[in-house]
C-alpha atoms as a PDB file:
ATOM      1  CA  MET A   1     -72.913   9.141   5.723  1.00  0.00           C
ATOM      2  CA  LYS A   2     -72.395  10.146   9.352  1.00  0.00           C
ATOM      3  CA  ASN A   3     -76.210  10.267   9.895  1.00  0.00           C
ATOM      4  CA  VAL A   4     -76.676   6.789   8.379  1.00  0.00           C
ATOM      5  CA  LEU A   5     -73.913   5.390  10.641  1.00  0.00           C
ATOM      6  CA  ALA A   6     -75.420   7.144  13.663  1.00  0.00           C
ATOM      7  CA  LEU A   7     -78.836   5.643  12.832  1.00  0.00           C
ATOM      8  CA  ILE A   8     -77.366   2.140  12.480  1.00  0.00           C
ATOM      9  CA  SER A   9     -75.386   2.524  15.728  1.00  0.00           C
ATOM     10  CA  GLY A  10     -78.550   3.630  17.550  1.00  0.00           C
ATOM     11  CA  LEU A  11     -80.559   0.760  16.184  1.00  0.00           C
ATOM     12  CA  VAL A  12     -77.906  -1.778  17.180  1.00  0.00           C
ATOM     13  CA  PHE A  13     -77.659  -0.210  20.682  1.00  0.00           C
ATOM     14  CA  GLY A  14     -81.406  -0.226  21.123  1.00  0.00           C
ATOM     15  CA  PHE A  15     -81.724  -3.838  19.870  1.00  0.00           C
ATOM     16  CA  GLY A  16     -78.984  -4.802  22.314  1.00  0.00           C
ATOM     17  CA  LEU A  17     -80.830  -3.167  25.191  1.00  0.00           C
ATOM     18  CA  ILE A  18     -84.006  -5.021  24.303  1.00  0.00           C
ATOM     19  CA  LEU A  19     -82.218  -8.323  23.765  1.00  0.00           C
ATOM     20  CA  SER A  20     -80.337  -8.077  27.078  1.00  0.00           C
ATOM     21  CA  GLY A  21     -83.425  -7.166  29.076  1.00  0.00           C
ATOM     22  CA  MET A  22     -82.167  -3.737  30.003  1.00  0.00           C
ATOM     23  CA  ALA A  23     -85.359  -2.122  28.538  1.00  0.00           C
ATOM     24  CA  ASN A  24     -87.471  -4.228  30.907  1.00  0.00           C
ATOM     25  CA  PRO A  25     -87.861  -2.369  34.253  1.00  0.00           C
ATOM     26  CA  ALA A  26     -88.931  -5.530  36.065  1.00  0.00           C
ATOM     27  CA  LYS A  27     -85.640  -7.239  35.066  1.00  0.00           C
ATOM     28  CA  VAL A  28     -83.622  -4.165  36.134  1.00  0.00           C
ATOM     29  CA  ILE A  29     -85.395  -3.878  39.468  1.00  0.00           C
ATOM     30  CA  GLY A  30     -84.828  -7.627  39.979  1.00  0.00           C
ATOM     31  CA  PHE A  31     -81.142  -7.030  39.423  1.00  0.00           C
ATOM     32  CA  LEU A  32     -81.140  -4.153  41.933  1.00  0.00           C
ATOM     33  CA  ASP A  33     -83.080  -6.148  44.536  1.00  0.00           C
ATOM     34  CA  ILE A  34     -80.036  -7.783  46.181  1.00  0.00           C
ATOM     35  CA  ALA A  35     -81.937  -8.378  49.452  1.00  0.00           C
ATOM     36  CA  GLY A  36     -84.842 -10.093  47.737  1.00  0.00           C
ATOM     37  CA  SER A  37     -85.132 -12.323  44.688  1.00  0.00           C
ATOM     38  CA  TRP A  38     -81.948 -11.058  43.027  1.00  0.00           C
ATOM     39  CA  ASP A  39     -81.516 -11.606  39.294  1.00  0.00           C
ATOM     40  CA  PRO A  40     -77.763 -11.452  38.530  1.00  0.00           C
ATOM     41  CA  SER A  41     -78.095 -11.788  34.752  1.00  0.00           C
ATOM     42  CA  LEU A  42     -77.670  -8.076  34.100  1.00  0.00           C
ATOM     43  CA  ALA A  43     -74.313  -8.160  35.877  1.00  0.00           C
ATOM     44  CA  PHE A  44     -73.006 -10.169  32.868  1.00  0.00           C
ATOM     45  CA  VAL A  45     -74.425  -7.591  30.482  1.00  0.00           C
ATOM     46  CA  MET A  46     -72.799  -4.743  32.417  1.00  0.00           C
ATOM     47  CA  GLY A  47     -69.549  -6.700  32.773  1.00  0.00           C
ATOM     48  CA  GLY A  48     -69.397  -7.238  29.025  1.00  0.00           C
ATOM     49  CA  ALA A  49     -70.140  -3.583  28.332  1.00  0.00           C
ATOM     50  CA  ILE A  50     -67.460  -2.472  30.800  1.00  0.00           C
ATOM     51  CA  ALA A  51     -64.882  -4.821  29.215  1.00  0.00           C
ATOM     52  CA  ILE A  52     -65.638  -3.613  25.701  1.00  0.00           C
ATOM     53  CA  GLY A  53     -65.728   0.049  26.824  1.00  0.00           C
ATOM     54  CA  PHE A  54     -62.412  -0.317  28.650  1.00  0.00           C
ATOM     55  CA  PHE A  55     -60.530  -1.430  25.541  1.00  0.00           C
ATOM     56  CA  ALA A  56     -62.444   0.953  23.260  1.00  0.00           C
ATOM     57  CA  PHE A  57     -61.437   3.924  25.488  1.00  0.00           C
ATOM     58  CA  LYS A  58     -57.820   2.713  25.708  1.00  0.00           C
ATOM     59  CA  TYR A  59     -57.796   2.639  21.872  1.00  0.00           C
ATOM     60  CA  ALA A  60     -59.466   6.015  21.596  1.00  0.00           C
ATOM     61  CA  GLU A  61     -56.835   7.602  23.871  1.00  0.00           C
ATOM     62  CA  THR A  62     -54.244   6.820  21.178  1.00  0.00           C
ATOM     63  CA  ARG A  63     -56.173   8.766  18.525  1.00  0.00           C
ATOM     64  CA  ASP A  64     -56.865  12.427  17.728  1.00  0.00           C
ATOM     65  CA  THR A  65     -59.813  11.698  15.414  1.00  0.00           C
ATOM     66  CA  THR A  66     -62.783   9.330  15.301  1.00  0.00           C
ATOM     67  CA  LEU A  67     -62.927   6.528  12.802  1.00  0.00           C
ATOM     68  CA  LEU A  68     -64.954   8.923  10.586  1.00  0.00           C
ATOM     69  CA  GLY A  69     -62.282  11.639  10.785  1.00  0.00           C
ATOM     70  CA  GLU A  70     -64.055  13.902  13.252  1.00  0.00           C
ATOM     71  CA  GLU A  71     -62.174  15.626  16.102  1.00  0.00           C
ATOM     72  CA  LEU A  72     -62.069  13.321  19.175  1.00  0.00           C
ATOM     73  CA  ASN A  73     -62.545  15.110  22.494  1.00  0.00           C
ATOM     74  CA  LEU A  74     -62.416  12.633  25.406  1.00  0.00           C
ATOM     75  CA  PRO A  75     -63.179  13.893  28.918  1.00  0.00           C
ATOM     76  CA  ARG A  76     -60.017  14.635  30.916  1.00  0.00           C
ATOM     77  CA  ASN A  77     -61.578  15.465  34.314  1.00  0.00           C
ATOM     78  CA  ASN A  78     -60.884  12.803  36.909  1.00  0.00           C
ATOM     79  CA  THR A  79     -62.108  14.826  39.875  1.00  0.00           C
ATOM     80  CA  VAL A  80     -64.602  13.214  42.287  1.00  0.00           C
ATOM     81  CA  ASP A  81     -66.550  16.083  43.825  1.00  0.00           C
ATOM     82  CA  LYS A  82     -69.917  16.833  45.452  1.00  0.00           C
ATOM     83  CA  ARG A  83     -71.614  17.366  42.100  1.00  0.00           C
ATOM     84  CA  LEU A  84     -70.456  13.976  40.804  1.00  0.00           C
ATOM     85  CA  ILE A  85     -71.496  12.124  43.958  1.00  0.00           C
ATOM     86  CA  GLY A  86     -74.842  13.959  44.164  1.00  0.00           C
ATOM     87  CA  GLY A  87     -75.567  13.300  40.505  1.00  0.00           C
ATOM     88  CA  SER A  88     -74.646   9.620  40.950  1.00  0.00           C
ATOM     89  CA  LEU A  89     -77.033   9.322  43.889  1.00  0.00           C
ATOM     90  CA  VAL A  90     -79.893  10.995  42.027  1.00  0.00           C
ATOM     91  CA  PHE A  91     -79.196   8.769  38.950  1.00  0.00           C
ATOM     92  CA  GLY A  92     -79.080   5.625  41.116  1.00  0.00           C
ATOM     93  CA  ALA A  93     -82.308   6.549  42.948  1.00  0.00           C
ATOM     94  CA  GLY A  94     -84.064   7.173  39.661  1.00  0.00           C
ATOM     95  CA  TRP A  95     -82.794   3.906  38.232  1.00  0.00           C
ATOM     96  CA  GLY A  96     -83.955   1.968  41.247  1.00  0.00           C
ATOM     97  CA  LEU A  97     -87.392   3.630  41.447  1.00  0.00           C
ATOM     98  CA  GLY A  98     -88.171   3.561  37.758  1.00  0.00           C
ATOM     99  CA  GLY A  99     -86.159   0.596  36.549  1.00  0.00           C
ATOM    100  CA  PHE A 100     -84.729   2.725  33.689  1.00  0.00           C
ATOM    101  CA  CYS A 101     -81.595   4.576  32.938  1.00  0.00           C
ATOM    102  CA  PRO A 102     -81.650   6.974  29.953  1.00  0.00           C
ATOM    103  CA  GLY A 103     -80.837   4.587  27.078  1.00  0.00           C
ATOM    104  CA  PRO A 104     -83.389   1.874  27.985  1.00  0.00           C
ATOM    105  CA  GLY A 105     -85.886   4.519  28.997  1.00  0.00           C
ATOM    106  CA  LEU A 106     -85.743   6.057  25.544  1.00  0.00           C
ATOM    107  CA  VAL A 107     -85.987   2.605  23.933  1.00  0.00           C
ATOM    108  CA  SER A 108     -89.139   1.960  26.010  1.00  0.00           C
ATOM    109  CA  LEU A 109     -90.480   5.366  24.973  1.00  0.00           C
ATOM    110  CA  GLY A 110     -89.899   4.441  21.330  1.00  0.00           C
ATOM    111  CA  MET A 111     -91.712   1.139  21.899  1.00  0.00           C
ATOM    112  CA  GLY A 112     -94.699   3.140  23.268  1.00  0.00           C
ATOM    113  CA  TYR A 113     -94.620   1.695  26.831  1.00  0.00           C
ATOM    114  CA  SER A 114     -96.323   3.949  29.332  1.00  0.00           C
ATOM    115  CA  GLY A 115     -93.422   3.544  31.746  1.00  0.00           C
ATOM    116  CA  GLY A 116     -91.041   4.791  29.087  1.00  0.00           C
ATOM    117  CA  ILE A 117     -93.215   7.818  28.466  1.00  0.00           C
ATOM    118  CA  ILE A 118     -93.393   8.657  32.173  1.00  0.00           C
ATOM    119  CA  PHE A 119     -89.602   8.123  32.524  1.00  0.00           C
ATOM    120  CA  ALA A 120     -88.763  10.342  29.536  1.00  0.00           C
ATOM    121  CA  LEU A 121     -91.028  13.163  30.787  1.00  0.00           C
ATOM    122  CA  SER A 122     -89.474  12.844  34.249  1.00  0.00           C
ATOM    123  CA  MET A 123     -86.011  12.912  32.747  1.00  0.00           C
ATOM    124  CA  VAL A 124     -86.809  16.115  30.828  1.00  0.00           C
ATOM    125  CA  VAL A 125     -88.211  17.727  33.998  1.00  0.00           C
ATOM    126  CA  GLY A 126     -85.036  16.720  35.852  1.00  0.00           C
ATOM    127  CA  MET A 127     -82.813  18.196  33.132  1.00  0.00           C
ATOM    128  CA  LEU A 128     -84.794  21.448  33.167  1.00  0.00           C
ATOM    129  CA  ALA A 129     -84.573  21.578  36.970  1.00  0.00           C
ATOM    130  CA  PHE A 130     -80.790  21.093  36.699  1.00  0.00           C
ATOM    131  CA  GLU A 131     -80.495  23.928  34.228  1.00  0.00           C
ATOM    132  CA  LEU A 132     -82.576  26.174  36.459  1.00  0.00           C
ATOM    133  CA  ILE A 133     -80.506  25.347  39.544  1.00  0.00           C
ATOM    134  CA  GLN A 134     -77.263  25.957  37.582  1.00  0.00           C
ATOM    135  CA  LYS A 135     -78.503  29.263  36.260  1.00  0.00           C
ATOM    136  CA  ASN A 136     -79.546  30.503  39.716  1.00  0.00           C
ATOM    137  CA  SER A 137     -76.432  29.280  41.565  1.00  0.00           C
ATOM    138  CA  GLY A 138     -73.798  30.693  39.311  1.00  0.00           C
END
């Protein structure tokens, strides 16, 4: 049952990304181009997601289990450090250059777009590079 609900959740999320334009790199780059022909429409998408997420996390904080009865482990770390700032900068640079963040990038990969394929491969290379750096620095 959990796998069926996970599949349905993923399909709804992917459809929402397509419907909102988040899977279209041109629309994302238009949103990020505040000095040029800025397209503010994604700000409404993000605002809606933040509002829903805020209340969902507030509700989740009152629970010990998920709605399916699994153990609920929310992150408790509120520390802003160099790793967080550096990761945010790398994420933002990748988003601005490619027009994808991970969810929409994977949706585009699933749709067979060449940009999604390039993004997904680049994301895997970045994840492997992170693991290598972590292994060698610790």
